[in-house]
Amino acid sequence: MKKLLNLFLLVLSLTSCEKEVFYIECDTTYPTTQDTTIFVNSGDLEGEWLLKNATMYMTNLDFDIIDTIPLFDTTNTSSLRYGGSYYEFEDIVLDDTKWLFDYPENTPGIGYFILNGDSIVPYGLNVTSNNLTVIENMLGPQQMGGSSRPIHYQMNNLQNTLVTIEVQHTYETINGFNYYYYTQLKFKKL
């Protein structure tokens, strides 16, 4: 009898309440305030560039504290990754690291990114009208663990011979705290 009473109370509790259906209203209009800036101007980065400076910007997301870390204060070698490099792409050497951008014939398309003159196993360079990304070479071995590195850049002079590049945007837990960081690199055209 006790089991029957429990079953009756269970059925009653599940069916006695009136259920209200919740719908989310969707706005199907395209936002008109979108930034329509074209970020990749054809050929701006085409050619070889020599690293002249690097700074890491770290934001502690738990306390909203921003740190600026010069990467070449005490040594000529450093890494794009906090705590040391995993991949050759992340190793940087002041006045020695060279990045060569070889754009594809058509945009969008895949060109080549050559690190430190290694044209035997180049990286890929995915180019669209508003995005530039260093990717794995599609025919060779993995160079970045199967990932890619978006490149954000700004030309620093009218002659397009100085450029600032942001790369390695990363979210990571460091010593129990949540961080977002990226590295800003300054290059001179060769």
N, C-alpha and C. Protein backbone atom coordinates (compact mmCIF):
# COMPACT_ATOMS: atom_id res chain seq x y z
N MET A 1 0.81 -1.19 0.00
CA MET A 1 0.00 0.00 0.00
C MET A 1 0.86 1.26 0.00
N LYS A 2 1.97 1.21 0.76
CA LYS A 2 2.86 2.36 0.85
C LYS A 2 3.48 2.64 -0.52
N LYS A 3 3.85 1.60 -1.28
CA LYS A 3 4.42 1.78 -2.61
C LYS A 3 3.41 2.39 -3.57
N LEU A 4 2.16 1.97 -3.46
CA LEU A 4 1.11 2.51 -4.29
C LEU A 4 0.88 3.99 -4.01
N LEU A 5 0.92 4.37 -2.73
CA LEU A 5 0.75 5.77 -2.34
C LEU A 5 1.92 6.61 -2.86
N ASN A 6 3.14 6.10 -2.78
CA ASN A 6 4.31 6.82 -3.29
C ASN A 6 4.23 6.99 -4.81
N LEU A 7 3.81 5.97 -5.51
CA LEU A 7 3.66 6.04 -6.96
C LEU A 7 2.60 7.07 -7.33
N PHE A 8 1.49 7.09 -6.60
CA PHE A 8 0.42 8.05 -6.85
C PHE A 8 0.92 9.48 -6.64
N LEU A 9 1.69 9.73 -5.57
CA LEU A 9 2.21 11.07 -5.30
C LEU A 9 3.22 11.50 -6.38
N LEU A 10 4.02 10.57 -6.87
CA LEU A 10 4.98 10.88 -7.92
C LEU A 10 4.27 11.27 -9.21
N VAL A 11 3.27 10.49 -9.60
CA VAL A 11 2.51 10.79 -10.82
C VAL A 11 1.78 12.12 -10.67
N LEU A 12 1.20 12.37 -9.51
CA LEU A 12 0.49 13.61 -9.25
C LEU A 12 1.42 14.81 -9.32
N SER A 13 2.62 14.70 -8.79
CA SER A 13 3.56 15.83 -8.78
C SER A 13 4.07 16.14 -10.18
N LEU A 14 4.19 15.13 -11.05
CA LEU A 14 4.69 15.35 -12.39
C LEU A 14 3.63 15.89 -13.34
N THR A 15 2.38 15.61 -13.06
CA THR A 15 1.32 15.99 -14.00
C THR A 15 0.42 17.11 -13.50
N SER A 16 0.52 17.50 -12.27
CA SER A 16 -0.44 18.45 -11.74
C SER A 16 -0.10 19.90 -12.03
N CYS A 17 1.15 20.22 -12.31
CA CYS A 17 1.54 21.61 -12.53
C CYS A 17 1.32 21.97 -13.99
N GLU A 18 0.90 23.20 -14.22
CA GLU A 18 0.74 23.68 -15.58
C GLU A 18 2.13 24.11 -16.07
N LYS A 19 2.55 23.58 -17.20
CA LYS A 19 3.87 23.88 -17.75
C LYS A 19 3.77 25.08 -18.66
N GLU A 20 4.75 25.97 -18.52
CA GLU A 20 4.80 27.16 -19.36
C GLU A 20 5.97 27.00 -20.32
N VAL A 21 5.71 27.13 -21.61
CA VAL A 21 6.74 26.99 -22.62
C VAL A 21 7.47 28.32 -22.74
N PHE A 22 8.79 28.27 -22.75
CA PHE A 22 9.62 29.46 -22.81
C PHE A 22 10.24 29.56 -24.19
N TYR A 23 9.99 30.65 -24.89
CA TYR A 23 10.56 30.87 -26.21
C TYR A 23 11.53 32.04 -26.16
N ILE A 24 12.64 31.92 -26.89
CA ILE A 24 13.61 33.00 -27.00
C ILE A 24 13.33 33.74 -28.30
N GLU A 25 13.14 35.04 -28.19
CA GLU A 25 12.92 35.85 -29.38
C GLU A 25 14.25 36.06 -30.10
N CYS A 26 14.27 35.86 -31.40
CA CYS A 26 15.49 36.03 -32.18
C CYS A 26 15.34 37.24 -33.08
N ASP A 27 16.37 38.07 -33.10
CA ASP A 27 16.39 39.22 -33.99
C ASP A 27 17.13 38.80 -35.25
N THR A 28 16.44 38.73 -36.37
CA THR A 28 17.05 38.24 -37.60
C THR A 28 17.63 39.36 -38.46
N THR A 29 17.60 40.60 -37.98
CA THR A 29 18.16 41.69 -38.78
C THR A 29 19.67 41.73 -38.58
N TYR A 30 20.37 42.06 -39.65
CA TYR A 30 21.83 42.14 -39.60
C TYR A 30 22.22 43.43 -38.90
N PRO A 31 23.15 43.38 -37.93
CA PRO A 31 23.55 44.60 -37.23
C PRO A 31 24.18 45.60 -38.18
N THR A 32 23.75 46.84 -38.12
CA THR A 32 24.28 47.86 -39.03
C THR A 32 25.47 48.59 -38.44
N THR A 33 25.80 48.31 -37.19
CA THR A 33 26.92 49.00 -36.55
C THR A 33 28.20 48.19 -36.63
N GLN A 34 28.21 47.11 -37.41
CA GLN A 34 29.40 46.27 -37.55
C GLN A 34 30.54 47.08 -38.16
N ASP A 35 31.76 46.85 -37.67
CA ASP A 35 32.95 47.46 -38.25
C ASP A 35 33.22 46.78 -39.58
N THR A 36 33.24 47.53 -40.66
CA THR A 36 33.44 46.96 -41.99
C THR A 36 34.86 47.19 -42.50
N THR A 37 35.80 47.48 -41.61
CA THR A 37 37.19 47.72 -41.99
C THR A 37 37.78 46.46 -42.62
N ILE A 38 38.48 46.65 -43.71
CA ILE A 38 39.22 45.55 -44.32
C ILE A 38 40.59 45.53 -43.65
N PHE A 39 40.95 44.42 -43.02
CA PHE A 39 42.17 44.33 -42.25
C PHE A 39 43.37 43.87 -43.07
N VAL A 40 43.15 43.16 -44.14
CA VAL A 40 44.26 42.63 -44.92
C VAL A 40 44.30 43.37 -46.24
N ASN A 41 45.19 44.34 -46.34
CA ASN A 41 45.37 45.05 -47.59
C ASN A 41 46.33 44.24 -48.45
N SER A 42 45.98 44.09 -49.69
CA SER A 42 46.72 43.22 -50.58
C SER A 42 48.20 43.57 -50.62
N GLY A 43 49.01 42.65 -50.16
CA GLY A 43 50.44 42.77 -50.29
C GLY A 43 51.17 43.58 -49.23
N ASP A 44 50.47 44.11 -48.23
CA ASP A 44 51.15 44.92 -47.20
C ASP A 44 52.31 44.18 -46.55
N LEU A 45 52.11 42.93 -46.22
CA LEU A 45 53.14 42.16 -45.53
C LEU A 45 54.00 41.31 -46.45
N GLU A 46 53.73 41.39 -47.73
CA GLU A 46 54.48 40.59 -48.70
C GLU A 46 55.97 40.87 -48.54
N GLY A 47 56.76 39.81 -48.42
CA GLY A 47 58.21 39.96 -48.31
C GLY A 47 58.73 39.51 -46.95
N GLU A 48 60.02 39.79 -46.72
CA GLU A 48 60.70 39.30 -45.51
C GLU A 48 60.84 40.43 -44.48
N TRP A 49 60.66 40.05 -43.21
CA TRP A 49 60.67 41.00 -42.09
C TRP A 49 61.61 40.50 -41.00
N LEU A 50 62.35 41.44 -40.37
CA LEU A 50 63.29 41.13 -39.30
C LEU A 50 62.74 41.63 -37.97
N LEU A 51 62.73 40.77 -36.95
CA LEU A 51 62.20 41.11 -35.63
C LEU A 51 63.10 42.13 -34.93
N LYS A 52 62.50 43.25 -34.48
CA LYS A 52 63.24 44.30 -33.81
C LYS A 52 62.86 44.49 -32.34
N ASN A 53 61.68 44.01 -31.92
CA ASN A 53 61.26 44.16 -30.52
C ASN A 53 60.04 43.26 -30.28
N ALA A 54 59.79 42.94 -29.01
CA ALA A 54 58.63 42.12 -28.66
C ALA A 54 58.19 42.43 -27.23
N THR A 55 56.88 42.49 -27.05
CA THR A 55 56.28 42.76 -25.75
C THR A 55 55.08 41.83 -25.57
N MET A 56 54.98 41.21 -24.38
CA MET A 56 53.82 40.38 -24.06
C MET A 56 52.87 41.18 -23.18
N TYR A 57 51.58 41.13 -23.50
CA TYR A 57 50.54 41.80 -22.72
C TYR A 57 49.70 40.72 -22.06
N MET A 58 49.68 40.71 -20.72
CA MET A 58 48.97 39.69 -19.95
C MET A 58 47.88 40.35 -19.12
N THR A 59 46.66 39.80 -19.19
CA THR A 59 45.56 40.27 -18.37
C THR A 59 45.16 39.17 -17.41
N ASN A 60 45.24 39.45 -16.10
CA ASN A 60 44.74 38.52 -15.09
C ASN A 60 43.22 38.69 -15.07
N LEU A 61 42.50 37.70 -15.54
CA LEU A 61 41.04 37.80 -15.67
C LEU A 61 40.33 37.72 -14.33
N ASP A 62 40.98 37.18 -13.30
CA ASP A 62 40.37 37.10 -11.97
C ASP A 62 40.36 38.45 -11.27
N PHE A 63 41.41 39.26 -11.48
CA PHE A 63 41.54 40.54 -10.79
C PHE A 63 41.56 41.74 -11.74
N ASP A 64 41.44 41.50 -13.04
CA ASP A 64 41.44 42.54 -14.06
C ASP A 64 42.70 43.41 -13.97
N ILE A 65 43.85 42.75 -13.89
CA ILE A 65 45.14 43.43 -13.82
C ILE A 65 45.88 43.16 -15.12
N ILE A 66 46.40 44.21 -15.74
CA ILE A 66 47.12 44.08 -17.00
C ILE A 66 48.61 44.30 -16.74
N ASP A 67 49.44 43.35 -17.20
CA ASP A 67 50.89 43.45 -17.09
C ASP A 67 51.49 43.57 -18.49
N THR A 68 52.52 44.38 -18.61
CA THR A 68 53.27 44.51 -19.85
C THR A 68 54.66 43.95 -19.59
N ILE A 69 55.08 42.96 -20.40
CA ILE A 69 56.35 42.28 -20.17
C ILE A 69 57.23 42.44 -21.41
N PRO A 70 58.28 43.27 -21.34
CA PRO A 70 59.25 43.33 -22.46
C PRO A 70 59.98 42.00 -22.55
N LEU A 71 60.02 41.41 -23.73
CA LEU A 71 60.59 40.06 -23.86
C LEU A 71 62.10 40.05 -24.08
N PHE A 72 62.70 41.19 -24.40
CA PHE A 72 64.14 41.22 -24.66
C PHE A 72 64.89 42.13 -23.71
N ASP A 73 64.47 42.25 -22.46
CA ASP A 73 65.17 43.09 -21.49
C ASP A 73 66.52 42.52 -21.09
N THR A 74 66.58 41.22 -20.81
CA THR A 74 67.80 40.62 -20.27
C THR A 74 68.46 39.63 -21.22
N THR A 75 67.79 39.25 -22.28
CA THR A 75 68.34 38.25 -23.20
C THR A 75 67.85 38.55 -24.62
N ASN A 76 68.51 37.97 -25.60
CA ASN A 76 68.11 38.16 -27.00
C ASN A 76 67.15 37.09 -27.48
N THR A 77 66.88 36.06 -26.66
CA THR A 77 65.97 35.00 -27.06
C THR A 77 64.77 34.99 -26.13
N SER A 78 63.62 34.62 -26.68
CA SER A 78 62.40 34.55 -25.87
C SER A 78 61.38 33.66 -26.56
N SER A 79 60.14 33.73 -26.09
CA SER A 79 59.08 32.88 -26.61
C SER A 79 57.78 33.67 -26.72
N LEU A 80 56.96 33.31 -27.70
CA LEU A 80 55.63 33.89 -27.81
C LEU A 80 54.70 33.33 -26.74
N ARG A 81 55.05 32.19 -26.18
CA ARG A 81 54.22 31.52 -25.18
C ARG A 81 54.77 31.79 -23.78
N TYR A 82 53.89 32.11 -22.84
CA TYR A 82 54.31 32.30 -21.46
C TYR A 82 54.81 30.95 -20.92
N GLY A 83 55.98 30.94 -20.32
CA GLY A 83 56.52 29.70 -19.77
C GLY A 83 57.39 28.91 -20.72
N GLY A 84 57.59 29.39 -21.94
CA GLY A 84 58.47 28.70 -22.88
C GLY A 84 57.76 28.13 -24.08
N SER A 85 58.51 27.94 -25.13
CA SER A 85 57.96 27.51 -26.42
C SER A 85 57.64 26.03 -26.45
N TYR A 86 56.58 25.70 -27.20
CA TYR A 86 56.28 24.31 -27.55
C TYR A 86 56.71 24.02 -28.98
N TYR A 87 56.63 25.05 -29.83
CA TYR A 87 56.86 24.87 -31.26
C TYR A 87 57.88 25.89 -31.75
N GLU A 88 58.55 25.57 -32.85
CA GLU A 88 59.56 26.44 -33.42
C GLU A 88 59.00 27.83 -33.75
N PHE A 89 57.75 27.89 -34.17
CA PHE A 89 57.11 29.16 -34.49
C PHE A 89 57.13 30.12 -33.30
N GLU A 90 57.11 29.58 -32.09
CA GLU A 90 57.03 30.41 -30.89
C GLU A 90 58.39 30.91 -30.40
N ASP A 91 59.48 30.38 -30.94
CA ASP A 91 60.82 30.84 -30.58
C ASP A 91 61.12 32.15 -31.30
N ILE A 92 61.57 33.16 -30.55
CA ILE A 92 61.92 34.42 -31.18
C ILE A 92 63.29 34.87 -30.68
N VAL A 93 64.06 35.46 -31.61
CA VAL A 93 65.41 35.94 -31.31
C VAL A 93 65.52 37.37 -31.87
N LEU A 94 65.88 38.30 -31.00
CA LEU A 94 66.00 39.70 -31.39
C LEU A 94 67.03 39.86 -32.51
N ASP A 95 66.67 40.62 -33.54
CA ASP A 95 67.52 40.91 -34.70
C ASP A 95 67.98 39.66 -35.45
N ASP A 96 67.27 38.54 -35.27
CA ASP A 96 67.61 37.31 -35.98
C ASP A 96 66.38 36.60 -36.56
N THR A 97 65.24 36.63 -35.84
CA THR A 97 64.02 35.98 -36.32
C THR A 97 63.52 36.71 -37.56
N LYS A 98 63.25 35.93 -38.61
CA LYS A 98 62.75 36.49 -39.87
C LYS A 98 61.45 35.79 -40.25
N TRP A 99 60.47 36.60 -40.58
CA TRP A 99 59.19 36.09 -41.07
C TRP A 99 59.02 36.56 -42.51
N LEU A 100 58.73 35.62 -43.40
CA LEU A 100 58.49 35.94 -44.80
C LEU A 100 57.06 35.57 -45.14
N PHE A 101 56.32 36.55 -45.67
CA PHE A 101 54.93 36.35 -46.08
C PHE A 101 54.88 36.30 -47.60
N ASP A 102 54.39 35.20 -48.13
CA ASP A 102 54.23 35.03 -49.58
C ASP A 102 52.73 34.84 -49.85
N TYR A 103 52.08 35.91 -50.26
CA TYR A 103 50.64 35.89 -50.46
C TYR A 103 50.25 34.98 -51.63
N PRO A 104 49.04 34.43 -51.60
CA PRO A 104 48.57 33.64 -52.75
C PRO A 104 48.25 34.55 -53.93
N GLU A 105 48.11 33.96 -55.11
CA GLU A 105 47.78 34.76 -56.30
C GLU A 105 46.38 35.35 -56.20
N ASN A 106 45.46 34.62 -55.56
CA ASN A 106 44.08 35.09 -55.43
C ASN A 106 43.69 35.14 -53.96
N THR A 107 42.82 36.08 -53.62
CA THR A 107 42.30 36.18 -52.26
C THR A 107 40.79 35.96 -52.34
N PRO A 108 40.24 35.04 -51.57
CA PRO A 108 40.89 34.22 -50.55
C PRO A 108 41.74 33.12 -51.19
N GLY A 109 42.75 32.70 -50.41
CA GLY A 109 43.63 31.66 -50.90
C GLY A 109 44.68 31.29 -49.86
N ILE A 110 45.52 30.33 -50.23
CA ILE A 110 46.58 29.84 -49.34
C ILE A 110 47.93 30.17 -49.97
N GLY A 111 48.73 30.93 -49.24
CA GLY A 111 50.08 31.25 -49.67
C GLY A 111 51.07 30.52 -48.77
N TYR A 112 52.25 31.13 -48.59
CA TYR A 112 53.28 30.53 -47.76
C TYR A 112 53.77 31.51 -46.71
N PHE A 113 54.10 30.97 -45.54
CA PHE A 113 54.77 31.72 -44.48
C PHE A 113 56.06 30.98 -44.21
N ILE A 114 57.19 31.67 -44.38
CA ILE A 114 58.50 31.04 -44.23
C ILE A 114 59.16 31.61 -42.99
N LEU A 115 59.49 30.72 -42.05
CA LEU A 115 60.11 31.10 -40.79
C LEU A 115 61.62 30.93 -40.88
N ASN A 116 62.34 32.03 -40.67
CA ASN A 116 63.81 32.02 -40.62
C ASN A 116 64.46 31.37 -41.85
N GLY A 117 63.88 31.62 -43.01
CA GLY A 117 64.47 31.15 -44.26
C GLY A 117 64.29 29.68 -44.58
N ASP A 118 63.50 28.94 -43.79
CA ASP A 118 63.30 27.51 -44.02
C ASP A 118 62.23 27.30 -45.10
N SER A 119 62.65 27.37 -46.36
CA SER A 119 61.71 27.21 -47.46
C SER A 119 61.48 25.74 -47.81
N ILE A 120 62.21 24.81 -47.16
CA ILE A 120 62.01 23.39 -47.40
C ILE A 120 60.67 22.94 -46.82
N VAL A 121 60.36 23.38 -45.60
CA VAL A 121 59.09 23.04 -44.95
C VAL A 121 58.40 24.35 -44.53
N PRO A 122 57.82 25.07 -45.50
CA PRO A 122 57.15 26.32 -45.13
C PRO A 122 55.81 26.05 -44.44
N TYR A 123 55.34 27.03 -43.73
CA TYR A 123 53.99 27.00 -43.17
C TYR A 123 53.03 27.48 -44.25
N GLY A 124 51.75 27.26 -44.04
CA GLY A 124 50.75 27.83 -44.93
C GLY A 124 50.37 29.22 -44.45
N LEU A 125 49.83 30.03 -45.35
CA LEU A 125 49.35 31.37 -45.02
C LEU A 125 47.96 31.52 -45.61
N ASN A 126 46.95 31.42 -44.75
CA ASN A 126 45.56 31.54 -45.19
C ASN A 126 45.21 33.03 -45.23
N VAL A 127 44.84 33.53 -46.41
CA VAL A 127 44.56 34.95 -46.60
C VAL A 127 43.13 35.12 -47.09
N THR A 128 42.35 35.92 -46.37
CA THR A 128 41.04 36.35 -46.83
C THR A 128 41.04 37.87 -46.84
N SER A 129 39.91 38.48 -47.19
CA SER A 129 39.88 39.94 -47.26
C SER A 129 40.01 40.59 -45.89
N ASN A 130 39.73 39.85 -44.80
CA ASN A 130 39.83 40.46 -43.47
C ASN A 130 40.52 39.56 -42.46
N ASN A 131 41.28 38.58 -42.92
CA ASN A 131 41.92 37.66 -41.99
C ASN A 131 43.21 37.13 -42.59
N LEU A 132 44.24 37.06 -41.75
CA LEU A 132 45.53 36.53 -42.14
C LEU A 132 45.93 35.53 -41.06
N THR A 133 46.16 34.26 -41.44
CA THR A 133 46.41 33.21 -40.46
C THR A 133 47.55 32.32 -40.92
N VAL A 134 48.53 32.12 -40.03
CA VAL A 134 49.59 31.15 -40.29
C VAL A 134 49.03 29.79 -39.92
N ILE A 135 49.11 28.84 -40.86
CA ILE A 135 48.54 27.51 -40.67
C ILE A 135 49.61 26.44 -40.91
N GLU A 136 49.26 25.21 -40.58
CA GLU A 136 50.16 24.08 -40.85
C GLU A 136 50.35 23.93 -42.35
N ASN A 137 51.53 23.46 -42.75
CA ASN A 137 51.76 23.10 -44.14
C ASN A 137 50.90 21.88 -44.44
N MET A 138 50.09 21.96 -45.48
CA MET A 138 49.14 20.89 -45.77
C MET A 138 49.81 19.61 -46.26
N LEU A 139 51.05 19.68 -46.72
CA LEU A 139 51.71 18.50 -47.26
C LEU A 139 52.79 17.95 -46.36
N GLY A 140 53.24 18.73 -45.39
CA GLY A 140 54.36 18.31 -44.55
C GLY A 140 53.92 17.89 -43.16
N PRO A 141 54.90 17.75 -42.27
CA PRO A 141 54.60 17.35 -40.89
C PRO A 141 53.94 18.50 -40.13
N GLN A 142 53.30 18.14 -39.02
CA GLN A 142 52.69 19.18 -38.18
C GLN A 142 53.78 20.06 -37.59
N GLN A 143 53.56 21.36 -37.66
CA GLN A 143 54.55 22.31 -37.16
C GLN A 143 54.07 23.05 -35.91
N MET A 144 52.75 23.07 -35.70
CA MET A 144 52.18 23.80 -34.57
C MET A 144 51.16 22.94 -33.84
N GLY A 145 51.33 21.64 -33.85
CA GLY A 145 50.43 20.75 -33.13
C GLY A 145 49.03 20.70 -33.69
N GLY A 146 48.87 21.03 -34.97
CA GLY A 146 47.56 20.99 -35.60
C GLY A 146 46.77 22.28 -35.45
N SER A 147 47.39 23.33 -34.93
CA SER A 147 46.66 24.58 -34.71
C SER A 147 47.08 25.64 -35.73
N SER A 148 46.61 26.84 -35.54
CA SER A 148 46.94 27.95 -36.43
C SER A 148 47.20 29.19 -35.57
N ARG A 149 47.74 30.24 -36.18
CA ARG A 149 48.02 31.48 -35.47
C ARG A 149 47.50 32.66 -36.29
N PRO A 150 46.36 33.23 -35.88
CA PRO A 150 45.89 34.44 -36.55
C PRO A 150 46.89 35.59 -36.35
N ILE A 151 47.05 36.38 -37.38
CA ILE A 151 47.98 37.51 -37.38
C ILE A 151 47.16 38.80 -37.50
N HIS A 152 47.34 39.70 -36.55
CA HIS A 152 46.74 41.04 -36.63
C HIS A 152 47.91 42.01 -36.78
N TYR A 153 47.82 42.91 -37.75
CA TYR A 153 48.96 43.79 -37.97
C TYR A 153 48.53 45.21 -38.24
N GLN A 154 49.51 46.10 -38.04
CA GLN A 154 49.30 47.52 -38.34
C GLN A 154 50.61 48.07 -38.89
N MET A 155 50.54 48.67 -40.07
CA MET A 155 51.73 49.29 -40.64
C MET A 155 52.03 50.56 -39.85
N ASN A 156 53.32 50.80 -39.56
CA ASN A 156 53.71 51.91 -38.70
C ASN A 156 54.25 53.12 -39.44
N ASN A 157 54.43 53.03 -40.75
CA ASN A 157 54.87 54.19 -41.52
C ASN A 157 54.28 54.13 -42.92
N LEU A 158 54.36 55.25 -43.62
CA LEU A 158 53.75 55.34 -44.95
C LEU A 158 54.48 54.49 -45.99
N GLN A 159 55.75 54.21 -45.75
CA GLN A 159 56.53 53.42 -46.70
C GLN A 159 56.30 51.92 -46.51
N ASN A 160 55.50 51.52 -45.52
CA ASN A 160 55.24 50.10 -45.22
C ASN A 160 56.52 49.31 -44.98
N THR A 161 57.45 49.92 -44.24
CA THR A 161 58.70 49.22 -43.91
C THR A 161 58.78 48.86 -42.43
N LEU A 162 57.85 49.33 -41.62
CA LEU A 162 57.78 48.99 -40.20
C LEU A 162 56.37 48.49 -39.89
N VAL A 163 56.28 47.38 -39.16
CA VAL A 163 54.97 46.81 -38.88
C VAL A 163 54.93 46.31 -37.44
N THR A 164 53.75 46.42 -36.82
CA THR A 164 53.50 45.82 -35.51
C THR A 164 52.53 44.67 -35.73
N ILE A 165 52.89 43.49 -35.23
CA ILE A 165 52.08 42.29 -35.41
C ILE A 165 51.68 41.76 -34.04
N GLU A 166 50.39 41.46 -33.88
CA GLU A 166 49.90 40.78 -32.68
C GLU A 166 49.66 39.31 -33.03
N VAL A 167 50.14 38.43 -32.15
CA VAL A 167 50.01 37.00 -32.41
C VAL A 167 49.96 36.26 -31.08
N GLN A 168 49.56 35.02 -31.11
CA GLN A 168 49.54 34.12 -29.95
C GLN A 168 48.52 34.58 -28.91
N HIS A 169 47.32 34.94 -29.34
CA HIS A 169 46.24 35.26 -28.39
C HIS A 169 45.85 33.98 -27.68
N THR A 170 45.99 33.96 -26.34
CA THR A 170 45.85 32.73 -25.58
C THR A 170 45.12 32.96 -24.27
N TYR A 171 44.26 32.02 -23.92
CA TYR A 171 43.67 31.95 -22.58
C TYR A 171 44.32 30.77 -21.88
N GLU A 172 44.82 31.01 -20.65
CA GLU A 172 45.57 29.97 -19.97
C GLU A 172 45.47 30.17 -18.45
N THR A 173 45.52 29.07 -17.71
CA THR A 173 45.60 29.14 -16.26
C THR A 173 47.07 29.08 -15.87
N ILE A 174 47.51 30.09 -15.12
CA ILE A 174 48.90 30.19 -14.69
C ILE A 174 48.90 30.36 -13.18
N ASN A 175 49.52 29.42 -12.48
CA ASN A 175 49.59 29.45 -11.01
C ASN A 175 48.21 29.59 -10.36
N GLY A 176 47.22 28.95 -10.94
CA GLY A 176 45.87 28.95 -10.37
C GLY A 176 45.02 30.15 -10.75
N PHE A 177 45.53 31.07 -11.56
CA PHE A 177 44.77 32.25 -11.98
C PHE A 177 44.53 32.19 -13.49
N ASN A 178 43.42 32.77 -13.92
CA ASN A 178 43.05 32.77 -15.33
C ASN A 178 43.64 34.00 -16.02
N TYR A 179 44.32 33.76 -17.14
CA TYR A 179 44.97 34.84 -17.88
C TYR A 179 44.56 34.80 -19.35
N TYR A 180 44.60 35.99 -19.94
CA TYR A 180 44.52 36.15 -21.39
C TYR A 180 45.79 36.92 -21.77
N TYR A 181 46.53 36.42 -22.77
CA TYR A 181 47.72 37.16 -23.17
C TYR A 181 47.94 37.05 -24.67
N TYR A 182 48.72 38.00 -25.17
CA TYR A 182 49.15 37.98 -26.57
C TYR A 182 50.51 38.67 -26.63
N THR A 183 51.20 38.49 -27.74
CA THR A 183 52.51 39.10 -27.93
C THR A 183 52.44 40.07 -29.09
N GLN A 184 53.03 41.23 -28.87
CA GLN A 184 53.11 42.25 -29.92
C GLN A 184 54.57 42.30 -30.40
N LEU A 185 54.75 42.07 -31.70
CA LEU A 185 56.08 42.02 -32.30
C LEU A 185 56.25 43.21 -33.23
N LYS A 186 57.44 43.80 -33.21
CA LYS A 186 57.76 44.90 -34.13
C LYS A 186 58.82 44.41 -35.11
N PHE A 187 58.50 44.53 -36.39
CA PHE A 187 59.37 44.07 -37.47
C PHE A 187 59.77 45.22 -38.39
N LYS A 188 60.94 45.06 -39.01
CA LYS A 188 61.42 45.97 -40.04
C LYS A 188 61.56 45.19 -41.34
N LYS A 189 61.10 45.77 -42.44
CA LYS A 189 61.16 45.07 -43.73
C LYS A 189 62.60 45.02 -44.23
N LEU A 190 62.98 43.87 -44.76
CA LEU A 190 64.33 43.70 -45.32
C LEU A 190 64.33 44.00 -46.81
